[in-house]
Amino acid sequence: NAQLIHISTDYVFDGTATEPYKETDKTNPVSVYGQSKLQGEELALRYAPSTIIIRTAWVYSSFKNNFVKTMLRLMKEKESLPADRHGINVVSDQFGCPTYAADLAAAIMQVIASNKSKTNPGLYHYSNAGITNWYEFAVAIKKLCGSNCLVNPITTAQYPTAATRPAYSVLNTTKIKKTFGIAVPDWEDSLEKCVDLLT
């Protein structure tokens, strides 16, 4: 009689939206990763209808490898290089919202502790509050760690990746807030907490 909580991703969307994605919006993954995550959602709901699926995006933490830790490492390394190599190029035309893993974990624990989880299965979105892009995210990290490293904005076309990323993947978190009474911190406040742990 256990209830499954399945973590999914913003990659189930194609990134063509102009306002935050709701749980009811049409999915259209543009990568194999996104397709496999969407299939995971569909199978979970088919075979365990009481499943709660939480889509999240741009997750980082003080553990393992992630964007924040990579930026902190590169900024430290690049500061000691000659001026012509003293910089980091970061994509500026992909928009979303960073999610601090500690906040996501707290939200999941609140869902579990709630007496509403069994009566409110289905899809939910969770990320920190606000909208930014990877370049602005990197600049915020630079400011918090006091780095002198240059951060240069580039386009997605200038930084090809194996998996196509949605150009816009902001998630609307209204449903999870209303259903489970979850407070969603601003991404900049949560980033500061994480960087404090790492510096």
N, C-alpha and C. Protein backbone atom coordinates (compact mmCIF):
# COMPACT_ATOMS: atom_id res chain seq x y z
N ASN A 1 0.82 -1.22 0.00
CA ASN A 1 0.00 0.00 0.00
C ASN A 1 0.85 1.26 0.00
N ALA A 2 2.11 1.13 -0.43
CA ALA A 2 3.01 2.29 -0.47
C ALA A 2 2.63 3.22 -1.62
N GLN A 3 2.95 4.49 -1.46
CA GLN A 3 2.69 5.46 -2.53
C GLN A 3 4.01 5.85 -3.17
N LEU A 4 4.06 5.80 -4.48
CA LEU A 4 5.27 6.16 -5.22
C LEU A 4 5.35 7.66 -5.44
N ILE A 5 6.52 8.24 -5.16
CA ILE A 5 6.80 9.63 -5.55
C ILE A 5 7.92 9.58 -6.59
N HIS A 6 7.60 10.05 -7.78
CA HIS A 6 8.50 9.95 -8.93
C HIS A 6 8.99 11.35 -9.31
N ILE A 7 10.31 11.50 -9.44
CA ILE A 7 10.89 12.80 -9.78
C ILE A 7 11.10 12.88 -11.29
N SER A 8 10.52 13.90 -11.91
CA SER A 8 10.65 14.09 -13.35
C SER A 8 11.28 15.45 -13.64
N THR A 9 11.11 15.93 -14.85
CA THR A 9 11.95 17.04 -15.33
C THR A 9 11.21 18.01 -16.25
N ASP A 10 11.77 19.19 -16.37
CA ASP A 10 11.28 20.19 -17.32
C ASP A 10 11.53 19.76 -18.76
N TYR A 11 12.38 18.77 -18.99
CA TYR A 11 12.70 18.31 -20.33
C TYR A 11 11.53 17.62 -21.03
N VAL A 12 10.43 17.41 -20.32
CA VAL A 12 9.25 16.84 -20.99
C VAL A 12 8.58 17.89 -21.88
N PHE A 13 8.99 19.16 -21.76
CA PHE A 13 8.44 20.23 -22.59
C PHE A 13 9.43 20.62 -23.68
N ASP A 14 8.93 21.27 -24.73
CA ASP A 14 9.82 21.62 -25.85
C ASP A 14 10.45 23.00 -25.71
N GLY A 15 10.03 23.78 -24.71
CA GLY A 15 10.66 25.07 -24.47
C GLY A 15 10.17 26.21 -25.33
N THR A 16 9.02 26.04 -26.00
CA THR A 16 8.50 27.10 -26.87
C THR A 16 7.49 28.01 -26.16
N ALA A 17 7.23 27.75 -24.89
CA ALA A 17 6.25 28.55 -24.15
C ALA A 17 6.79 29.96 -23.87
N THR A 18 5.89 30.84 -23.51
CA THR A 18 6.28 32.20 -23.15
C THR A 18 5.83 32.55 -21.72
N GLU A 19 5.22 31.58 -21.04
CA GLU A 19 4.85 31.76 -19.64
C GLU A 19 5.05 30.42 -18.93
N PRO A 20 5.21 30.44 -17.60
CA PRO A 20 5.55 29.21 -16.88
C PRO A 20 4.62 28.04 -17.19
N TYR A 21 5.23 26.88 -17.38
CA TYR A 21 4.48 25.67 -17.72
C TYR A 21 3.64 25.18 -16.54
N LYS A 22 2.36 24.88 -16.83
CA LYS A 22 1.47 24.26 -15.85
C LYS A 22 1.46 22.75 -16.08
N GLU A 23 0.98 22.04 -15.07
CA GLU A 23 0.90 20.58 -15.17
C GLU A 23 0.00 20.11 -16.30
N THR A 24 -0.95 20.96 -16.68
CA THR A 24 -1.91 20.61 -17.74
C THR A 24 -1.41 20.93 -19.14
N ASP A 25 -0.26 21.60 -19.26
CA ASP A 25 0.26 21.98 -20.57
C ASP A 25 0.75 20.76 -21.35
N LYS A 26 0.65 20.86 -22.66
CA LYS A 26 1.03 19.76 -23.55
C LYS A 26 2.53 19.48 -23.46
N THR A 27 2.88 18.20 -23.33
CA THR A 27 4.28 17.81 -23.33
C THR A 27 4.74 17.57 -24.76
N ASN A 28 6.04 17.80 -24.98
CA ASN A 28 6.61 17.56 -26.31
C ASN A 28 8.14 17.54 -26.19
N PRO A 29 8.68 16.47 -25.60
CA PRO A 29 10.13 16.44 -25.36
C PRO A 29 10.92 16.47 -26.66
N VAL A 30 12.07 17.16 -26.62
CA VAL A 30 12.90 17.32 -27.82
C VAL A 30 14.21 16.55 -27.72
N SER A 31 14.35 15.71 -26.69
CA SER A 31 15.55 14.91 -26.53
C SER A 31 15.16 13.51 -26.05
N VAL A 32 16.08 12.56 -26.20
CA VAL A 32 15.83 11.20 -25.73
C VAL A 32 15.64 11.20 -24.22
N TYR A 33 16.42 12.02 -23.54
CA TYR A 33 16.27 12.13 -22.08
C TYR A 33 14.85 12.55 -21.72
N GLY A 34 14.37 13.60 -22.36
CA GLY A 34 13.01 14.08 -22.09
C GLY A 34 11.96 13.05 -22.43
N GLN A 35 12.16 12.33 -23.54
CA GLN A 35 11.22 11.29 -23.94
C GLN A 35 11.17 10.17 -22.91
N SER A 36 12.34 9.75 -22.41
CA SER A 36 12.38 8.66 -21.44
C SER A 36 11.76 9.08 -20.11
N LYS A 37 11.94 10.34 -19.72
CA LYS A 37 11.34 10.81 -18.47
C LYS A 37 9.82 10.88 -18.61
N LEU A 38 9.33 11.30 -19.77
CA LEU A 38 7.89 11.33 -19.99
C LEU A 38 7.30 9.92 -19.97
N GLN A 39 8.01 8.97 -20.57
CA GLN A 39 7.56 7.58 -20.53
C GLN A 39 7.52 7.07 -19.09
N GLY A 40 8.49 7.49 -18.27
CA GLY A 40 8.50 7.12 -16.86
C GLY A 40 7.27 7.63 -16.14
N GLU A 41 6.89 8.87 -16.44
CA GLU A 41 5.67 9.43 -15.86
C GLU A 41 4.45 8.61 -16.24
N GLU A 42 4.34 8.33 -17.53
CA GLU A 42 3.16 7.63 -18.04
C GLU A 42 3.04 6.23 -17.45
N LEU A 43 4.16 5.52 -17.34
CA LEU A 43 4.15 4.16 -16.79
C LEU A 43 3.83 4.17 -15.30
N ALA A 44 4.38 5.14 -14.59
CA ALA A 44 4.12 5.23 -13.15
C ALA A 44 2.63 5.43 -12.89
N LEU A 45 2.02 6.35 -13.64
CA LEU A 45 0.59 6.63 -13.44
C LEU A 45 -0.28 5.48 -13.92
N ARG A 46 0.19 4.76 -14.95
CA ARG A 46 -0.60 3.64 -15.47
C ARG A 46 -0.65 2.48 -14.47
N TYR A 47 0.51 2.15 -13.91
CA TYR A 47 0.58 0.97 -13.04
C TYR A 47 0.45 1.28 -11.56
N ALA A 48 0.58 2.55 -11.21
CA ALA A 48 0.39 2.96 -9.80
C ALA A 48 -0.34 4.30 -9.81
N PRO A 49 -1.64 4.28 -10.00
CA PRO A 49 -2.43 5.52 -10.15
C PRO A 49 -2.32 6.49 -8.98
N SER A 50 -1.89 6.01 -7.81
CA SER A 50 -1.76 6.91 -6.66
C SER A 50 -0.42 7.66 -6.66
N THR A 51 0.38 7.45 -7.70
CA THR A 51 1.70 8.09 -7.80
C THR A 51 1.61 9.61 -7.77
N ILE A 52 2.57 10.23 -7.10
CA ILE A 52 2.77 11.68 -7.20
C ILE A 52 4.05 11.90 -8.01
N ILE A 53 3.92 12.65 -9.10
CA ILE A 53 5.06 12.99 -9.95
C ILE A 53 5.42 14.45 -9.72
N ILE A 54 6.67 14.70 -9.40
CA ILE A 54 7.13 16.08 -9.20
C ILE A 54 8.16 16.41 -10.27
N ARG A 55 7.77 17.30 -11.18
CA ARG A 55 8.72 17.78 -12.20
C ARG A 55 9.52 18.93 -11.61
N THR A 56 10.81 18.89 -11.83
CA THR A 56 11.67 19.96 -11.33
C THR A 56 12.67 20.34 -12.42
N ALA A 57 13.53 21.32 -12.14
CA ALA A 57 14.43 21.82 -13.17
C ALA A 57 15.69 22.44 -12.56
N TRP A 58 16.76 22.40 -13.31
CA TRP A 58 18.01 23.09 -12.98
C TRP A 58 18.45 22.81 -11.54
N VAL A 59 18.48 21.56 -11.16
CA VAL A 59 18.76 21.19 -9.76
C VAL A 59 20.27 21.31 -9.46
N TYR A 60 20.57 21.84 -8.30
CA TYR A 60 21.96 21.95 -7.82
C TYR A 60 21.98 21.72 -6.32
N SER A 61 23.16 21.45 -5.78
CA SER A 61 23.29 21.27 -4.33
C SER A 61 24.74 21.43 -3.94
N SER A 62 25.02 21.22 -2.67
CA SER A 62 26.41 21.27 -2.18
C SER A 62 27.10 19.93 -2.38
N PHE A 63 26.39 18.94 -2.94
CA PHE A 63 26.93 17.61 -3.15
C PHE A 63 27.06 17.29 -4.63
N LYS A 64 27.94 16.33 -4.94
CA LYS A 64 28.12 15.82 -6.30
C LYS A 64 28.41 16.94 -7.31
N ASN A 65 28.35 16.59 -8.59
CA ASN A 65 28.65 17.56 -9.65
C ASN A 65 27.37 18.27 -10.10
N ASN A 66 27.42 19.59 -10.20
CA ASN A 66 26.29 20.36 -10.68
C ASN A 66 26.79 21.74 -11.12
N PHE A 67 25.91 22.54 -11.67
CA PHE A 67 26.29 23.83 -12.25
C PHE A 67 26.97 24.74 -11.24
N VAL A 68 26.42 24.84 -10.03
CA VAL A 68 26.98 25.75 -9.02
C VAL A 68 28.40 25.35 -8.66
N LYS A 69 28.62 24.07 -8.40
CA LYS A 69 29.96 23.62 -8.01
C LYS A 69 30.95 23.77 -9.16
N THR A 70 30.47 23.54 -10.39
CA THR A 70 31.33 23.70 -11.56
C THR A 70 31.74 25.16 -11.73
N MET A 71 30.78 26.08 -11.58
CA MET A 71 31.09 27.50 -11.71
C MET A 71 32.08 27.96 -10.62
N LEU A 72 31.88 27.52 -9.40
CA LEU A 72 32.79 27.90 -8.31
C LEU A 72 34.21 27.41 -8.60
N ARG A 73 34.33 26.18 -9.11
CA ARG A 73 35.64 25.62 -9.43
C ARG A 73 36.29 26.38 -10.59
N LEU A 74 35.53 26.61 -11.65
CA LEU A 74 36.09 27.31 -12.82
C LEU A 74 36.48 28.74 -12.49
N MET A 75 35.66 29.42 -11.70
CA MET A 75 35.97 30.80 -11.35
C MET A 75 37.27 30.89 -10.55
N LYS A 76 37.49 29.91 -9.71
CA LYS A 76 38.73 29.88 -8.93
C LYS A 76 39.93 29.59 -9.82
N GLU A 77 39.76 28.65 -10.75
CA GLU A 77 40.84 28.28 -11.66
C GLU A 77 41.17 29.40 -12.64
N LYS A 78 40.15 30.04 -13.19
CA LYS A 78 40.34 31.04 -14.24
C LYS A 78 40.98 32.33 -13.72
N GLU A 79 40.77 32.64 -12.45
CA GLU A 79 41.33 33.88 -11.89
C GLU A 79 42.85 33.93 -12.00
N SER A 80 43.49 32.76 -11.98
CA SER A 80 44.95 32.72 -12.00
C SER A 80 45.54 32.65 -13.40
N LEU A 81 44.67 32.64 -14.43
CA LEU A 81 45.13 32.53 -15.80
C LEU A 81 45.41 33.91 -16.42
N PRO A 82 46.16 33.98 -17.52
CA PRO A 82 46.38 35.25 -18.22
C PRO A 82 45.06 35.89 -18.63
N ALA A 83 45.09 37.19 -18.84
CA ALA A 83 43.87 37.96 -19.12
C ALA A 83 43.07 37.41 -20.30
N ASP A 84 43.76 36.92 -21.34
CA ASP A 84 43.05 36.45 -22.53
C ASP A 84 42.35 35.10 -22.31
N ARG A 85 42.64 34.44 -21.20
CA ARG A 85 41.97 33.17 -20.88
C ARG A 85 41.22 33.27 -19.55
N HIS A 86 41.03 34.49 -19.12
CA HIS A 86 40.47 34.77 -17.79
C HIS A 86 38.96 34.96 -17.89
N GLY A 87 38.24 33.92 -18.28
CA GLY A 87 36.81 34.07 -18.43
C GLY A 87 36.09 32.76 -18.64
N ILE A 88 34.77 32.79 -18.43
CA ILE A 88 33.90 31.64 -18.62
C ILE A 88 32.76 32.04 -19.54
N ASN A 89 32.46 31.21 -20.53
CA ASN A 89 31.34 31.46 -21.43
C ASN A 89 30.12 30.69 -20.94
N VAL A 90 29.00 31.40 -20.77
CA VAL A 90 27.78 30.78 -20.25
C VAL A 90 26.58 31.17 -21.11
N VAL A 91 25.75 30.19 -21.42
CA VAL A 91 24.58 30.41 -22.28
C VAL A 91 23.60 31.40 -21.65
N SER A 92 23.15 32.35 -22.45
CA SER A 92 22.28 33.41 -21.93
C SER A 92 20.87 33.39 -22.53
N ASP A 93 20.60 32.44 -23.44
CA ASP A 93 19.28 32.44 -24.11
C ASP A 93 18.43 31.21 -23.76
N GLN A 94 18.75 30.59 -22.62
CA GLN A 94 17.90 29.52 -22.07
C GLN A 94 17.37 29.99 -20.72
N PHE A 95 16.05 30.03 -20.59
CA PHE A 95 15.43 30.59 -19.39
C PHE A 95 14.74 29.52 -18.56
N GLY A 96 14.91 29.63 -17.26
CA GLY A 96 14.29 28.69 -16.33
C GLY A 96 14.42 29.20 -14.91
N CYS A 97 14.41 28.28 -13.96
CA CYS A 97 14.63 28.66 -12.58
C CYS A 97 15.42 27.58 -11.86
N PRO A 98 16.55 27.95 -11.25
CA PRO A 98 17.35 26.99 -10.50
C PRO A 98 16.55 26.41 -9.33
N THR A 99 16.85 25.17 -8.97
CA THR A 99 16.20 24.51 -7.85
C THR A 99 17.25 23.98 -6.89
N TYR A 100 17.24 24.48 -5.68
CA TYR A 100 18.15 24.00 -4.65
C TYR A 100 17.64 22.66 -4.15
N ALA A 101 18.47 21.61 -4.24
CA ALA A 101 18.03 20.26 -3.89
C ALA A 101 17.50 20.17 -2.45
N ALA A 102 18.06 20.96 -1.56
CA ALA A 102 17.59 20.95 -0.17
C ALA A 102 16.15 21.43 -0.07
N ASP A 103 15.79 22.43 -0.88
CA ASP A 103 14.41 22.92 -0.91
C ASP A 103 13.47 21.88 -1.51
N LEU A 104 13.93 21.22 -2.58
CA LEU A 104 13.13 20.17 -3.21
C LEU A 104 12.90 19.02 -2.24
N ALA A 105 13.95 18.63 -1.53
CA ALA A 105 13.82 17.54 -0.56
C ALA A 105 12.83 17.91 0.55
N ALA A 106 12.91 19.15 1.02
CA ALA A 106 11.99 19.61 2.07
C ALA A 106 10.54 19.58 1.57
N ALA A 107 10.35 19.97 0.32
CA ALA A 107 9.01 19.96 -0.26
C ALA A 107 8.47 18.53 -0.36
N ILE A 108 9.33 17.61 -0.79
CA ILE A 108 8.92 16.20 -0.88
C ILE A 108 8.55 15.66 0.50
N MET A 109 9.35 15.99 1.50
CA MET A 109 9.06 15.53 2.86
C MET A 109 7.73 16.11 3.36
N GLN A 110 7.43 17.35 2.96
CA GLN A 110 6.16 17.95 3.37
C GLN A 110 4.98 17.25 2.68
N VAL A 111 5.17 16.85 1.42
CA VAL A 111 4.14 16.09 0.71
C VAL A 111 3.91 14.75 1.41
N ILE A 112 5.01 14.07 1.76
CA ILE A 112 4.90 12.77 2.43
C ILE A 112 4.19 12.89 3.77
N ALA A 113 4.54 13.94 4.52
CA ALA A 113 3.97 14.12 5.85
C ALA A 113 2.51 14.58 5.80
N SER A 114 2.10 15.08 4.66
CA SER A 114 0.73 15.59 4.51
C SER A 114 -0.29 14.46 4.53
N ASN A 115 -1.45 14.75 5.02
CA ASN A 115 -2.53 13.76 4.96
C ASN A 115 -3.30 13.88 3.63
N LYS A 116 -2.73 14.67 2.69
CA LYS A 116 -3.40 14.89 1.41
C LYS A 116 -2.75 14.13 0.27
N SER A 117 -1.63 13.47 0.53
CA SER A 117 -0.88 12.86 -0.58
C SER A 117 -1.66 11.73 -1.26
N LYS A 118 -2.37 10.91 -0.49
CA LYS A 118 -3.10 9.79 -1.08
C LYS A 118 -4.36 10.24 -1.85
N THR A 119 -4.89 11.38 -1.43
CA THR A 119 -6.12 11.86 -2.08
C THR A 119 -5.84 12.85 -3.21
N ASN A 120 -4.56 13.20 -3.39
CA ASN A 120 -4.20 14.16 -4.44
C ASN A 120 -3.02 13.67 -5.27
N PRO A 121 -3.14 12.49 -5.90
CA PRO A 121 -2.05 12.00 -6.72
C PRO A 121 -1.95 12.79 -8.02
N GLY A 122 -0.94 12.46 -8.83
CA GLY A 122 -0.81 13.09 -10.14
C GLY A 122 0.41 13.97 -10.27
N LEU A 123 0.32 14.91 -11.21
CA LEU A 123 1.45 15.76 -11.59
C LEU A 123 1.55 17.04 -10.75
N TYR A 124 2.80 17.39 -10.39
CA TYR A 124 3.08 18.65 -9.70
C TYR A 124 4.40 19.20 -10.22
N HIS A 125 4.53 20.52 -10.17
CA HIS A 125 5.78 21.18 -10.54
C HIS A 125 6.41 21.82 -9.30
N TYR A 126 7.74 21.69 -9.21
CA TYR A 126 8.45 22.37 -8.11
C TYR A 126 9.81 22.85 -8.60
N SER A 127 10.04 24.14 -8.42
CA SER A 127 11.36 24.75 -8.57
C SER A 127 11.35 25.96 -7.67
N ASN A 128 12.51 26.56 -7.48
CA ASN A 128 12.51 27.80 -6.69
C ASN A 128 11.80 28.91 -7.47
N ALA A 129 11.48 29.99 -6.78
CA ALA A 129 10.70 31.08 -7.38
C ALA A 129 11.60 32.01 -8.18
N GLY A 130 11.03 32.54 -9.27
CA GLY A 130 11.75 33.50 -10.09
C GLY A 130 12.10 32.94 -11.45
N ILE A 131 12.64 33.79 -12.30
CA ILE A 131 13.05 33.40 -13.65
C ILE A 131 14.44 33.98 -13.91
N THR A 132 15.32 33.18 -14.49
CA THR A 132 16.65 33.66 -14.83
C THR A 132 17.15 32.88 -16.05
N ASN A 133 18.39 33.12 -16.43
CA ASN A 133 19.03 32.30 -17.45
C ASN A 133 20.38 31.82 -16.90
N TRP A 134 21.03 30.93 -17.63
CA TRP A 134 22.27 30.34 -17.10
C TRP A 134 23.35 31.40 -16.88
N TYR A 135 23.42 32.38 -17.77
CA TYR A 135 24.41 33.45 -17.62
C TYR A 135 24.17 34.26 -16.34
N GLU A 136 22.91 34.67 -16.14
CA GLU A 136 22.59 35.44 -14.93
C GLU A 136 22.79 34.60 -13.67
N PHE A 137 22.52 33.32 -13.77
CA PHE A 137 22.76 32.39 -12.68
C PHE A 137 24.25 32.38 -12.32
N ALA A 138 25.10 32.30 -13.35
CA ALA A 138 26.55 32.30 -13.14
C ALA A 138 27.03 33.62 -12.54
N VAL A 139 26.48 34.73 -13.01
CA VAL A 139 26.85 36.05 -12.47
C VAL A 139 26.49 36.15 -10.99
N ALA A 140 25.33 35.59 -10.62
CA ALA A 140 24.92 35.59 -9.21
C ALA A 140 25.88 34.77 -8.37
N ILE A 141 26.35 33.64 -8.89
CA ILE A 141 27.34 32.81 -8.19
C ILE A 141 28.64 33.58 -8.02
N LYS A 142 29.06 34.24 -9.10
CA LYS A 142 30.29 35.05 -9.06
C LYS A 142 30.21 36.11 -7.96
N LYS A 143 29.09 36.80 -7.88
CA LYS A 143 28.91 37.85 -6.87
C LYS A 143 28.98 37.29 -5.46
N LEU A 144 28.34 36.15 -5.25
CA LEU A 144 28.29 35.55 -3.91
C LEU A 144 29.65 35.04 -3.44
N CYS A 145 30.47 34.55 -4.39
CA CYS A 145 31.78 34.03 -3.98
C CYS A 145 32.89 35.06 -4.08
N GLY A 146 32.55 36.26 -4.58
CA GLY A 146 33.53 37.34 -4.64
C GLY A 146 34.61 37.13 -5.69
N SER A 147 34.31 36.42 -6.74
CA SER A 147 35.29 36.12 -7.79
C SER A 147 35.51 37.33 -8.70
N ASN A 148 36.72 37.40 -9.27
CA ASN A 148 37.03 38.42 -10.28
C ASN A 148 36.99 37.86 -11.69
N CYS A 149 36.60 36.62 -11.82
CA CYS A 149 36.56 35.96 -13.13
C CYS A 149 35.52 36.61 -14.04
N LEU A 150 35.86 36.74 -15.31
CA LEU A 150 34.91 37.27 -16.29
C LEU A 150 33.88 36.21 -16.64
N VAL A 151 32.63 36.62 -16.78
CA VAL A 151 31.57 35.72 -17.22
C VAL A 151 30.99 36.31 -18.50
N ASN A 152 31.10 35.58 -19.59
CA ASN A 152 30.69 36.08 -20.90
C ASN A 152 29.42 35.39 -21.38
N PRO A 153 28.40 36.16 -21.80
CA PRO A 153 27.17 35.55 -22.33
C PRO A 153 27.39 35.03 -23.75
N ILE A 154 26.90 33.81 -24.01
CA ILE A 154 26.95 33.26 -25.36
C ILE A 154 25.57 32.66 -25.68
N THR A 155 25.36 32.30 -26.94
CA THR A 155 24.10 31.71 -27.36
C THR A 155 24.17 30.18 -27.28
N THR A 156 23.01 29.55 -27.31
CA THR A 156 22.96 28.09 -27.32
C THR A 156 23.70 27.54 -28.53
N ALA A 157 23.59 28.22 -29.67
CA ALA A 157 24.26 27.77 -30.89
C ALA A 157 25.78 27.74 -30.72
N GLN A 158 26.29 28.60 -29.86
CA GLN A 158 27.74 28.65 -29.62
C GLN A 158 28.20 27.59 -28.61
N TYR A 159 27.23 26.91 -27.98
CA TYR A 159 27.59 25.90 -26.98
C TYR A 159 26.72 24.67 -27.16
N PRO A 160 26.99 23.89 -28.21
CA PRO A 160 26.16 22.69 -28.48
C PRO A 160 26.35 21.63 -27.41
N THR A 161 25.27 20.93 -27.07
CA THR A 161 25.31 19.86 -26.09
C THR A 161 24.71 18.59 -26.69
N ALA A 162 25.01 17.45 -26.07
CA ALA A 162 24.51 16.17 -26.57
C ALA A 162 22.99 16.12 -26.53
N ALA A 163 22.41 16.63 -25.43
CA ALA A 163 20.95 16.65 -25.29
C ALA A 163 20.43 18.06 -25.50
N THR A 164 19.45 18.20 -26.37
CA THR A 164 18.86 19.52 -26.62
C THR A 164 18.13 20.01 -25.38
N ARG A 165 18.44 21.21 -24.94
CA ARG A 165 17.78 21.78 -23.77
C ARG A 165 16.62 22.68 -24.22
N PRO A 166 15.51 22.67 -23.48
CA PRO A 166 14.42 23.61 -23.79
C PRO A 166 14.89 25.05 -23.62
N ALA A 167 14.53 25.91 -24.55
CA ALA A 167 14.94 27.32 -24.46
C ALA A 167 14.23 28.04 -23.32
N TYR A 168 13.05 27.55 -22.97
CA TYR A 168 12.27 28.15 -21.88
C TYR A 168 11.64 27.00 -21.09
N SER A 169 11.98 26.90 -19.82
CA SER A 169 11.44 25.79 -19.04
C SER A 169 11.06 26.21 -17.62
N VAL A 170 10.53 27.42 -17.50
CA VAL A 170 10.05 27.89 -16.20
C VAL A 170 8.80 27.08 -15.82
N LEU A 171 8.74 26.62 -14.58
CA LEU A 171 7.62 25.80 -14.13
C LEU A 171 6.70 26.59 -13.21
N ASN A 172 5.41 26.47 -13.45
CA ASN A 172 4.40 27.09 -12.60
C ASN A 172 4.20 26.18 -11.38
N THR A 173 4.44 26.71 -10.18
CA THR A 173 4.38 25.90 -8.96
C THR A 173 3.11 26.15 -8.13
N THR A 174 2.12 26.79 -8.72
CA THR A 174 0.90 27.13 -7.98
C THR A 174 0.21 25.90 -7.40
N LYS A 175 0.14 24.82 -8.17
CA LYS A 175 -0.61 23.63 -7.74
C LYS A 175 -0.02 23.00 -6.49
N ILE A 176 1.29 22.82 -6.45
CA ILE A 176 1.91 22.17 -5.29
C ILE A 176 1.83 23.06 -4.05
N LYS A 177 1.90 24.38 -4.28
CA LYS A 177 1.79 25.32 -3.15
C LYS A 177 0.39 25.27 -2.55
N LYS A 178 -0.62 25.28 -3.40
CA LYS A 178 -2.00 25.29 -2.92
C LYS A 178 -2.40 23.95 -2.31
N THR A 179 -2.00 22.86 -2.94
CA THR A 179 -2.43 21.54 -2.49
C THR A 179 -1.79 21.14 -1.16
N PHE A 180 -0.50 21.41 -1.03
CA PHE A 180 0.22 20.92 0.15
C PHE A 180 0.72 22.04 1.07
N GLY A 181 0.37 23.30 0.76
CA GLY A 181 0.78 24.42 1.61
C GLY A 181 2.28 24.64 1.64
N ILE A 182 2.92 24.37 0.53
CA ILE A 182 4.39 24.47 0.47
C ILE A 182 4.82 25.89 0.11
N ALA A 183 5.73 26.43 0.90
CA ALA A 183 6.32 27.74 0.62
C ALA A 183 7.53 27.53 -0.30
N VAL A 184 7.61 28.31 -1.36
CA VAL A 184 8.69 28.15 -2.34
C VAL A 184 9.66 29.33 -2.23
N PRO A 185 10.89 29.10 -1.77
CA PRO A 185 11.86 30.19 -1.62
C PRO A 185 12.30 30.76 -2.97
N ASP A 186 12.74 32.01 -2.97
CA ASP A 186 13.30 32.64 -4.16
C ASP A 186 14.63 31.98 -4.50
N TRP A 187 14.92 31.83 -5.76
CA TRP A 187 16.14 31.13 -6.18
C TRP A 187 17.41 31.81 -5.69
N GLU A 188 17.40 33.14 -5.63
CA GLU A 188 18.60 33.85 -5.20
C GLU A 188 18.89 33.62 -3.72
N ASP A 189 17.85 33.57 -2.90
CA ASP A 189 18.03 33.29 -1.47
C ASP A 189 18.58 31.89 -1.24
N SER A 190 18.06 30.93 -1.98
CA SER A 190 18.51 29.55 -1.83
C SER A 190 19.93 29.37 -2.36
N LEU A 191 20.26 30.05 -3.44
CA LEU A 191 21.62 29.99 -3.98
C LEU A 191 22.61 30.49 -2.93
N GLU A 192 22.27 31.57 -2.26
CA GLU A 192 23.16 32.12 -1.24
C GLU A 192 23.43 31.09 -0.14
N LYS A 193 22.41 30.35 0.27
CA LYS A 193 22.58 29.33 1.31
C LYS A 193 23.55 28.24 0.83
N CYS A 194 23.40 27.83 -0.41
CA CYS A 194 24.24 26.78 -0.94
C CYS A 194 25.69 27.24 -1.08
N VAL A 195 25.89 28.44 -1.62
CA VAL A 195 27.25 28.95 -1.80
C VAL A 195 27.94 29.14 -0.45
N ASP A 196 27.17 29.55 0.56
CA ASP A 196 27.74 29.69 1.90
C ASP A 196 28.30 28.37 2.40
N LEU A 197 27.63 27.28 2.05
CA LEU A 197 28.10 25.96 2.48
C LEU A 197 29.37 25.53 1.74
N LEU A 198 29.56 26.07 0.53
CA LEU A 198 30.64 25.64 -0.33
C LEU A 198 31.89 26.54 -0.30
N THR A 199 31.75 27.70 0.33
CA THR A 199 32.87 28.65 0.34
C THR A 199 33.29 29.01 1.76
